[in-house]
Amino acid sequence: SGLGAVDERIILDERNDAVIERLRALLAQTDAPKSVAIFYGAAHMGDFESTLREEFALEPAETHWFRAMAAEEWSAGKIDARIKKLQADREAMTTADPAGAYPACERVDTRIAELQERRARIQPSG
């Protein structure tokens, strides 16, 4: 996929959490729908399936697979821009909370390192 394992896991977890939170809110409504479709890629489905079965006691009725999009590999420019944004985010975190920013900064540092590795594969430095 071109993403590092850390980036892939973060993206999957954050997106899955957002969908499940929205589903909880939707199903909590007094006029909750009788059926719901989750439109996501295959990498998300294992987590969704276990959460839907365990937390919501739901079982799939039908499964339909459609190709929604194809992802392009990030260009060197996109990677550089993402690294720059993450570095700015890290700086803002440490400025706002120097004592408490460590866990979040560690995650950002890991993401930056992964992106730097991807960047090096596109155009080695030196």
Foldseek 3Di string as FASTA:
>chain_A
DLFDPLVVVVVLVVVLVVVVVVVVVQCPDPCRDPDDDDDDDPVNPVVVQVCCCPVVVDDDPDDDDDDDDDDDNDDLVVLVVVLVVLVVVLVVLCVVPVVPCVVVNVSSVVNSVRSVVSSCVNPNDD
